[in-house]
Amino acid sequence: MGGTRAEIAHGPSNLLVVCGRDNRSGCHGLIHSNPVAGRDAGLLVRQGADPAVVQALIRGRLAWLGADGTYHFLPTDSEEPHS
């Protein structure tokens, strides 16, 4: 959510560390050069969206990023209780 002064854009729920020095190198560049895939993976968040409600793909699993800088993986099918 770059290019904005919105306070929500600079909070922990909108921050992930990825390699790359700019929008053209490393993982950071890969995300920006493939914006649809980046949004689908929760690695790019549209301006005006609340990043706290966007799930991000971390280590191959979807997770919620918390306002305190932590993240919590969503349960997988195998982790859900069985009836």
PDB file of N, CA and C in Angstrom:
ATOM      1  N   MET A   1       0.845  -1.175   0.000  1.00  0.00           N
ATOM      2  CA  MET A   1       0.000   0.000   0.000  1.00  0.00           C
ATOM      3  C   MET A   1       0.890   1.238   0.000  1.00  0.00           C
ATOM      4  N   GLY A   2       1.873   1.251  -0.871  1.00  0.00           N
ATOM      5  CA  GLY A   2       2.799   2.368  -0.902  1.00  0.00           C
ATOM      6  C   GLY A   2       2.179   3.636  -1.460  1.00  0.00           C
ATOM      7  N   GLY A   3       2.872   4.741  -1.266  1.00  0.00           N
ATOM      8  CA  GLY A   3       2.427   6.013  -1.814  1.00  0.00           C
ATOM      9  C   GLY A   3       1.249   6.631  -1.090  1.00  0.00           C
ATOM     10  N   THR A   4       1.042   6.275   0.139  1.00  0.00           N
ATOM     11  CA  THR A   4      -0.070   6.840   0.902  1.00  0.00           C
ATOM     12  C   THR A   4       0.431   7.306   2.265  1.00  0.00           C
ATOM     13  N   ARG A   5      -0.276   8.255   2.803  1.00  0.00           N
ATOM     14  CA  ARG A   5       0.033   8.722   4.156  1.00  0.00           C
ATOM     15  C   ARG A   5      -0.928   8.129   5.179  1.00  0.00           C
ATOM     16  N   ALA A   6      -1.819   7.273   4.723  1.00  0.00           N
ATOM     17  CA  ALA A   6      -2.800   6.667   5.624  1.00  0.00           C
ATOM     18  C   ALA A   6      -2.079   5.908   6.729  1.00  0.00           C
ATOM     19  N   GLU A   7      -2.452   6.181   7.955  1.00  0.00           N
ATOM     20  CA  GLU A   7      -1.800   5.562   9.107  1.00  0.00           C
ATOM     21  C   GLU A   7      -1.866   4.034   9.057  1.00  0.00           C
ATOM     22  N   ILE A   8      -2.983   3.501   8.604  1.00  0.00           N
ATOM     23  CA  ILE A   8      -3.167   2.051   8.547  1.00  0.00           C
ATOM     24  C   ILE A   8      -2.142   1.380   7.630  1.00  0.00           C
ATOM     25  N   ALA A   9      -1.637   2.117   6.652  1.00  0.00           N
ATOM     26  CA  ALA A   9      -0.674   1.553   5.694  1.00  0.00           C
ATOM     27  C   ALA A   9       0.683   1.282   6.328  1.00  0.00           C
ATOM     28  N   HIS A  10       0.952   1.906   7.449  1.00  0.00           N
ATOM     29  CA  HIS A  10       2.262   1.783   8.071  1.00  0.00           C
ATOM     30  C   HIS A  10       2.243   0.999   9.377  1.00  0.00           C
ATOM     31  N   GLY A  11       1.152   0.292   9.633  1.00  0.00           N
ATOM     32  CA  GLY A  11       1.029  -0.513  10.840  1.00  0.00           C
ATOM     33  C   GLY A  11       1.537  -1.927  10.618  1.00  0.00           C
ATOM     34  N   PRO A  12       1.776  -2.666  11.682  1.00  0.00           N
ATOM     35  CA  PRO A  12       2.295  -4.031  11.596  1.00  0.00           C
ATOM     36  C   PRO A  12       1.445  -4.981  10.763  1.00  0.00           C
ATOM     37  N   SER A  13       0.131  -4.767  10.700  1.00  0.00           N
ATOM     38  CA  SER A  13      -0.704  -5.682   9.918  1.00  0.00           C
ATOM     39  C   SER A  13      -0.544  -5.462   8.420  1.00  0.00           C
ATOM     40  N   ASN A  14       0.255  -4.466   8.028  1.00  0.00           N
ATOM     41  CA  ASN A  14       0.507  -4.212   6.610  1.00  0.00           C
ATOM     42  C   ASN A  14       1.987  -4.335   6.276  1.00  0.00           C
ATOM     43  N   LEU A  15       2.768  -4.937   7.144  1.00  0.00           N
ATOM     44  CA  LEU A  15       4.206  -5.001   6.915  1.00  0.00           C
ATOM     45  C   LEU A  15       4.702  -6.446   6.904  1.00  0.00           C
ATOM     46  N   LEU A  16       5.398  -6.796   5.836  1.00  0.00           N
ATOM     47  CA  LEU A  16       6.081  -8.082   5.723  1.00  0.00           C
ATOM     48  C   LEU A  16       7.490  -7.807   5.244  1.00  0.00           C
ATOM     49  N   VAL A  17       8.441  -8.537   5.733  1.00  0.00           N
ATOM     50  CA  VAL A  17       9.815  -8.399   5.274  1.00  0.00           C
ATOM     51  C   VAL A  17      10.029  -9.347   4.101  1.00  0.00           C
ATOM     52  N   VAL A  18      10.433  -8.796   2.967  1.00  0.00           N
ATOM     53  CA  VAL A  18      10.782  -9.589   1.798  1.00  0.00           C
ATOM     54  C   VAL A  18      12.122  -9.080   1.270  1.00  0.00           C
ATOM     55  N   CYS A  19      12.842  -9.937   0.548  1.00  0.00           N
ATOM     56  CA  CYS A  19      14.131  -9.515   0.011  1.00  0.00           C
ATOM     57  C   CYS A  19      13.922  -8.557  -1.160  1.00  0.00           C
ATOM     58  N   GLY A  20      14.917  -7.777  -1.444  1.00  0.00           N
ATOM     59  CA  GLY A  20      14.867  -6.809  -2.535  1.00  0.00           C
ATOM     60  C   GLY A  20      14.983  -5.398  -2.003  1.00  0.00           C
ATOM     61  N   ARG A  21      15.636  -4.562  -2.785  1.00  0.00           N
ATOM     62  CA  ARG A  21      15.882  -3.188  -2.343  1.00  0.00           C
ATOM     63  C   ARG A  21      14.879  -2.198  -2.900  1.00  0.00           C
ATOM     64  N   ASP A  22      14.148  -2.578  -3.932  1.00  0.00           N
ATOM     65  CA  ASP A  22      13.204  -1.661  -4.560  1.00  0.00           C
ATOM     66  C   ASP A  22      12.113  -2.472  -5.246  1.00  0.00           C
ATOM     67  N   ASN A  23      11.288  -1.821  -6.057  1.00  0.00           N
ATOM     68  CA  ASN A  23      10.183  -2.517  -6.722  1.00  0.00           C
ATOM     69  C   ASN A  23      10.639  -3.355  -7.910  1.00  0.00           C
ATOM     70  N   ARG A  24      11.958  -3.503  -8.116  1.00  0.00           N
ATOM     71  CA  ARG A  24      12.452  -4.256  -9.260  1.00  0.00           C
ATOM     72  C   ARG A  24      13.363  -5.419  -8.883  1.00  0.00           C
ATOM     73  N   SER A  25      13.792  -5.522  -7.650  1.00  0.00           N
ATOM     74  CA  SER A  25      14.758  -6.570  -7.305  1.00  0.00           C
ATOM     75  C   SER A  25      14.209  -7.517  -6.242  1.00  0.00           C
ATOM     76  N   GLY A  26      14.747  -8.713  -6.223  1.00  0.00           N
ATOM     77  CA  GLY A  26      14.394  -9.715  -5.215  1.00  0.00           C
ATOM     78  C   GLY A  26      12.912 -10.047  -5.198  1.00  0.00           C
ATOM     79  N   CYS A  27      12.463 -10.573  -4.078  1.00  0.00           N
ATOM     80  CA  CYS A  27      11.053 -10.937  -3.908  1.00  0.00           C
ATOM     81  C   CYS A  27      10.155  -9.712  -4.009  1.00  0.00           C
ATOM     82  N   HIS A  28      10.631  -8.581  -3.497  1.00  0.00           N
ATOM     83  CA  HIS A  28       9.866  -7.342  -3.568  1.00  0.00           C
ATOM     84  C   HIS A  28       9.562  -7.000  -5.024  1.00  0.00           C
ATOM     85  N   GLY A  29      10.558  -7.106  -5.888  1.00  0.00           N
ATOM     86  CA  GLY A  29      10.362  -6.849  -7.309  1.00  0.00           C
ATOM     87  C   GLY A  29       9.437  -7.871  -7.951  1.00  0.00           C
ATOM     88  N   LEU A  30       9.573  -9.130  -7.567  1.00  0.00           N
ATOM     89  CA  LEU A  30       8.719 -10.186  -8.106  1.00  0.00           C
ATOM     90  C   LEU A  30       7.248  -9.935  -7.764  1.00  0.00           C
ATOM     91  N   ILE A  31       6.989  -9.529  -6.546  1.00  0.00           N
ATOM     92  CA  ILE A  31       5.618  -9.223  -6.118  1.00  0.00           C
ATOM     93  C   ILE A  31       5.055  -8.066  -6.935  1.00  0.00           C
ATOM     94  N   HIS A  32       5.838  -7.005  -7.100  1.00  0.00           N
ATOM     95  CA  HIS A  32       5.351  -5.834  -7.832  1.00  0.00           C
ATOM     96  C   HIS A  32       5.265  -6.067  -9.331  1.00  0.00           C
ATOM     97  N   SER A  33       6.050  -6.979  -9.869  1.00  0.00           N
ATOM     98  CA  SER A  33       5.961  -7.253 -11.310  1.00  0.00           C
ATOM     99  C   SER A  33       4.826  -8.219 -11.620  1.00  0.00           C
ATOM    100  N   ASN A  34       4.225  -8.824 -10.606  1.00  0.00           N
ATOM    101  CA  ASN A  34       3.089  -9.736 -10.751  1.00  0.00           C
ATOM    102  C   ASN A  34       1.994  -9.321  -9.769  1.00  0.00           C
ATOM    103  N   PRO A  35       1.392  -8.134  -9.972  1.00  0.00           N
ATOM    104  CA  PRO A  35       0.471  -7.605  -8.962  1.00  0.00           C
ATOM    105  C   PRO A  35      -0.773  -8.452  -8.712  1.00  0.00           C
ATOM    106  N   VAL A  36      -1.295  -9.117  -9.742  1.00  0.00           N
ATOM    107  CA  VAL A  36      -2.491  -9.939  -9.518  1.00  0.00           C
ATOM    108  C   VAL A  36      -2.145 -11.095  -8.584  1.00  0.00           C
ATOM    109  N   ALA A  37      -1.041 -11.785  -8.864  1.00  0.00           N
ATOM    110  CA  ALA A  37      -0.604 -12.882  -7.995  1.00  0.00           C
ATOM    111  C   ALA A  37      -0.250 -12.350  -6.609  1.00  0.00           C
ATOM    112  N   GLY A  38       0.352 -11.172  -6.541  1.00  0.00           N
ATOM    113  CA  GLY A  38       0.689 -10.569  -5.256  1.00  0.00           C
ATOM    114  C   GLY A  38      -0.538 -10.272  -4.418  1.00  0.00           C
ATOM    115  N   ARG A  39      -1.588  -9.755  -5.066  1.00  0.00           N
ATOM    116  CA  ARG A  39      -2.835  -9.499  -4.327  1.00  0.00           C
ATOM    117  C   ARG A  39      -3.506 -10.806  -3.926  1.00  0.00           C
ATOM    118  N   ASP A  40      -3.500 -11.793  -4.841  1.00  0.00           N
ATOM    119  CA  ASP A  40      -4.106 -13.093  -4.516  1.00  0.00           C
ATOM    120  C   ASP A  40      -3.426 -13.742  -3.314  1.00  0.00           C
ATOM    121  N   ALA A  41      -2.119 -13.506  -3.161  1.00  0.00           N
ATOM    122  CA  ALA A  41      -1.370 -14.089  -2.046  1.00  0.00           C
ATOM    123  C   ALA A  41      -1.394 -13.188  -0.811  1.00  0.00           C
ATOM    124  N   GLY A  42      -2.066 -12.039  -0.895  1.00  0.00           N
ATOM    125  CA  GLY A  42      -2.126 -11.125   0.243  1.00  0.00           C
ATOM    126  C   GLY A  42      -0.833 -10.374   0.474  1.00  0.00           C
ATOM    127  N   LEU A  43       0.043 -10.348  -0.526  1.00  0.00           N
ATOM    128  CA  LEU A  43       1.325  -9.668  -0.385  1.00  0.00           C
ATOM    129  C   LEU A  43       1.277  -8.238  -0.892  1.00  0.00           C
ATOM    130  N   LEU A  44       0.237  -7.904  -1.623  1.00  0.00           N
ATOM    131  CA  LEU A  44      -0.062  -6.536  -2.030  1.00  0.00           C
ATOM    132  C   LEU A  44      -1.476  -6.236  -1.565  1.00  0.00           C
ATOM    133  N   VAL A  45      -1.667  -5.088  -0.964  1.00  0.00           N
ATOM    134  CA  VAL A  45      -2.974  -4.686  -0.471  1.00  0.00           C
ATOM    135  C   VAL A  45      -3.348  -3.382  -1.158  1.00  0.00           C
ATOM    136  N   ARG A  46      -4.513  -3.345  -1.731  1.00  0.00           N
ATOM    137  CA  ARG A  46      -4.968  -2.128  -2.417  1.00  0.00           C
ATOM    138  C   ARG A  46      -5.126  -0.982  -1.417  1.00  0.00           C
ATOM    139  N   GLN A  47      -4.836   0.242  -1.883  1.00  0.00           N
ATOM    140  CA  GLN A  47      -5.048   1.403  -1.041  1.00  0.00           C
ATOM    141  C   GLN A  47      -6.522   1.479  -0.676  1.00  0.00           C
ATOM    142  N   GLY A  48      -6.793   1.826   0.535  1.00  0.00           N
ATOM    143  CA  GLY A  48      -8.157   1.912   1.027  1.00  0.00           C
ATOM    144  C   GLY A  48      -8.646   0.626   1.676  1.00  0.00           C
ATOM    145  N   ALA A  49      -7.948  -0.489   1.405  1.00  0.00           N
ATOM    146  CA  ALA A  49      -8.326  -1.759   2.031  1.00  0.00           C
ATOM    147  C   ALA A  49      -7.721  -1.831   3.427  1.00  0.00           C
ATOM    148  N   ASP A  50      -8.363  -2.569   4.302  1.00  0.00           N
ATOM    149  CA  ASP A  50      -7.849  -2.757   5.655  1.00  0.00           C
ATOM    150  C   ASP A  50      -6.928  -3.977   5.647  1.00  0.00           C
ATOM    151  N   PRO A  51      -5.617  -3.785   5.774  1.00  0.00           N
ATOM    152  CA  PRO A  51      -4.696  -4.917   5.716  1.00  0.00           C
ATOM    153  C   PRO A  51      -4.915  -5.934   6.828  1.00  0.00           C
ATOM    154  N   ALA A  52      -5.555  -5.531   7.907  1.00  0.00           N
ATOM    155  CA  ALA A  52      -5.789  -6.459   9.015  1.00  0.00           C
ATOM    156  C   ALA A  52      -6.784  -7.549   8.644  1.00  0.00           C
ATOM    157  N   VAL A  53      -7.550  -7.360   7.575  1.00  0.00           N
ATOM    158  CA  VAL A  53      -8.521  -8.371   7.174  1.00  0.00           C
ATOM    159  C   VAL A  53      -8.079  -9.126   5.913  1.00  0.00           C
ATOM    160  N   VAL A  54      -6.878  -8.830   5.431  1.00  0.00           N
ATOM    161  CA  VAL A  54      -6.342  -9.525   4.260  1.00  0.00           C
ATOM    162  C   VAL A  54      -5.442 -10.661   4.743  1.00  0.00           C
ATOM    163  N   GLN A  55      -5.695 -11.852   4.249  1.00  0.00           N
ATOM    164  CA  GLN A  55      -4.854 -12.993   4.603  1.00  0.00           C
ATOM    165  C   GLN A  55      -3.607 -12.964   3.729  1.00  0.00           C
ATOM    166  N   ALA A  56      -2.457 -13.233   4.321  1.00  0.00           N
ATOM    167  CA  ALA A  56      -1.193 -13.244   3.589  1.00  0.00           C
ATOM    168  C   ALA A  56      -0.642 -14.660   3.519  1.00  0.00           C
ATOM    169  N   LEU A  57      -0.043 -14.987   2.401  1.00  0.00           N
ATOM    170  CA  LEU A  57       0.573 -16.293   2.224  1.00  0.00           C
ATOM    171  C   LEU A  57       1.982 -16.249   2.802  1.00  0.00           C
ATOM    172  N   ILE A  58       2.205 -16.984   3.885  1.00  0.00           N
ATOM    173  CA  ILE A  58       3.500 -17.027   4.571  1.00  0.00           C
ATOM    174  C   ILE A  58       3.926 -18.480   4.674  1.00  0.00           C
ATOM    175  N   ARG A  59       5.100 -18.772   4.135  1.00  0.00           N
ATOM    176  CA  ARG A  59       5.617 -20.151   4.157  1.00  0.00           C
ATOM    177  C   ARG A  59       4.608 -21.150   3.596  1.00  0.00           C
ATOM    178  N   GLY A  60       3.885 -20.729   2.564  1.00  0.00           N
ATOM    179  CA  GLY A  60       2.944 -21.619   1.904  1.00  0.00           C
ATOM    180  C   GLY A  60       1.601 -21.779   2.593  1.00  0.00           C
ATOM    181  N   ARG A  61       1.366 -21.020   3.659  1.00  0.00           N
ATOM    182  CA  ARG A  61       0.095 -21.105   4.383  1.00  0.00           C
ATOM    183  C   ARG A  61      -0.487 -19.710   4.562  1.00  0.00           C
ATOM    184  N   LEU A  62      -1.813 -19.624   4.586  1.00  0.00           N
ATOM    185  CA  LEU A  62      -2.468 -18.346   4.817  1.00  0.00           C
ATOM    186  C   LEU A  62      -2.404 -17.975   6.288  1.00  0.00           C
ATOM    187  N   ALA A  63      -2.193 -16.693   6.538  1.00  0.00           N
ATOM    188  CA  ALA A  63      -2.072 -16.208   7.910  1.00  0.00           C
ATOM    189  C   ALA A  63      -2.683 -14.819   8.017  1.00  0.00           C
ATOM    190  N   TRP A  64      -3.096 -14.487   9.221  1.00  0.00           N
ATOM    191  CA  TRP A  64      -3.526 -13.133   9.553  1.00  0.00           C
ATOM    192  C   TRP A  64      -2.334 -12.420  10.174  1.00  0.00           C
ATOM    193  N   LEU A  65      -2.086 -11.175   9.752  1.00  0.00           N
ATOM    194  CA  LEU A  65      -1.039 -10.363  10.372  1.00  0.00           C
ATOM    195  C   LEU A  65      -1.685  -9.541  11.469  1.00  0.00           C
ATOM    196  N   GLY A  66      -1.107  -9.587  12.663  1.00  0.00           N
ATOM    197  CA  GLY A  66      -1.691  -8.898  13.803  1.00  0.00           C
ATOM    198  C   GLY A  66      -1.174  -7.487  13.974  1.00  0.00           C
ATOM    199  N   ALA A  67      -1.937  -6.677  14.659  1.00  0.00           N
ATOM    200  CA  ALA A  67      -1.561  -5.296  14.946  1.00  0.00           C
ATOM    201  C   ALA A  67      -0.346  -5.224  15.863  1.00  0.00           C
ATOM    202  N   ASP A  68      -0.018  -6.345  16.531  1.00  0.00           N
ATOM    203  CA  ASP A  68       1.129  -6.370  17.442  1.00  0.00           C
ATOM    204  C   ASP A  68       2.394  -6.906  16.761  1.00  0.00           C
ATOM    205  N   GLY A  69       2.342  -7.129  15.433  1.00  0.00           N
ATOM    206  CA  GLY A  69       3.521  -7.598  14.707  1.00  0.00           C
ATOM    207  C   GLY A  69       3.632  -9.111  14.612  1.00  0.00           C
ATOM    208  N   THR A  70       2.693  -9.833  15.191  1.00  0.00           N
ATOM    209  CA  THR A  70       2.713 -11.292  15.106  1.00  0.00           C
ATOM    210  C   THR A  70       1.836 -11.741  13.931  1.00  0.00           C
ATOM    211  N   TYR A  71       1.919 -13.014  13.599  1.00  0.00           N
ATOM    212  CA  TYR A  71       1.006 -13.575  12.620  1.00  0.00           C
ATOM    213  C   TYR A  71       0.512 -14.911  13.122  1.00  0.00           C
ATOM    214  N   HIS A  72      -0.674 -15.264  12.672  1.00  0.00           N
ATOM    215  CA  HIS A  72      -1.321 -16.490  13.109  1.00  0.00           C
ATOM    216  C   HIS A  72      -1.811 -17.228  11.878  1.00  0.00           C
ATOM    217  N   PHE A  73      -1.341 -18.462  11.705  1.00  0.00           N
ATOM    218  CA  PHE A  73      -1.761 -19.262  10.569  1.00  0.00           C
ATOM    219  C   PHE A  73      -3.218 -19.648  10.702  1.00  0.00           C
ATOM    220  N   LEU A  74      -3.931 -19.664   9.583  1.00  0.00           N
ATOM    221  CA  LEU A  74      -5.288 -20.174   9.559  1.00  0.00           C
ATOM    222  C   LEU A  74      -5.215 -21.687   9.670  1.00  0.00           C
ATOM    223  N   PRO A  75      -6.159 -22.308  10.328  1.00  0.00           N
ATOM    224  CA  PRO A  75      -6.118 -23.773  10.444  1.00  0.00           C
ATOM    225  C   PRO A  75      -6.283 -24.420   9.071  1.00  0.00           C
ATOM    226  N   THR A  76      -5.599 -25.514   8.863  1.00  0.00           N
ATOM    227  CA  THR A  76      -5.754 -26.276   7.626  1.00  0.00           C
ATOM    228  C   THR A  76      -6.861 -27.297   7.835  1.00  0.00           C
ATOM    229  N   ASP A  77      -7.298 -27.929   6.754  1.00  0.00           N
ATOM    230  CA  ASP A  77      -8.352 -28.944   6.859  1.00  0.00           C
ATOM    231  C   ASP A  77      -7.965 -30.051   7.832  1.00  0.00           C
ATOM    232  N   SER A  78      -6.676 -30.427   7.844  1.00  0.00           N
ATOM    233  CA  SER A  78      -6.248 -31.509   8.715  1.00  0.00           C
ATOM    234  C   SER A  78      -6.178 -31.094  10.181  1.00  0.00           C
ATOM    235  N   GLU A  79      -6.189 -29.779  10.444  1.00  0.00           N
ATOM    236  CA  GLU A  79      -6.124 -29.292  11.822  1.00  0.00           C
ATOM    237  C   GLU A  79      -7.502 -29.020  12.410  1.00  0.00           C
ATOM    238  N   GLU A  80      -8.523 -29.023  11.569  1.00  0.00           N
ATOM    239  CA  GLU A  80      -9.861 -28.732  12.080  1.00  0.00           C
ATOM    240  C   GLU A  80     -10.408 -29.919  12.859  1.00  0.00           C
ATOM    241  N   PRO A  81     -11.200 -29.667  13.899  1.00  0.00           N
ATOM    242  CA  PRO A  81     -11.765 -30.758  14.682  1.00  0.00           C
ATOM    243  C   PRO A  81     -12.679 -31.633  13.840  1.00  0.00           C
ATOM    244  N   HIS A  82     -12.655 -32.907  14.123  1.00  0.00           N
ATOM    245  CA  HIS A  82     -13.523 -33.853  13.422  1.00  0.00           C
ATOM    246  C   HIS A  82     -14.739 -34.151  14.276  1.00  0.00           C
ATOM    247  N   SER A  83     -15.892 -34.308  13.630  1.00  0.00           N
ATOM    248  CA  SER A  83     -17.104 -34.616  14.399  1.00  0.00           C
ATOM    249  C   SER A  83     -17.419 -36.094  14.333  1.00  0.00           C
TER     250      SER A  83
END
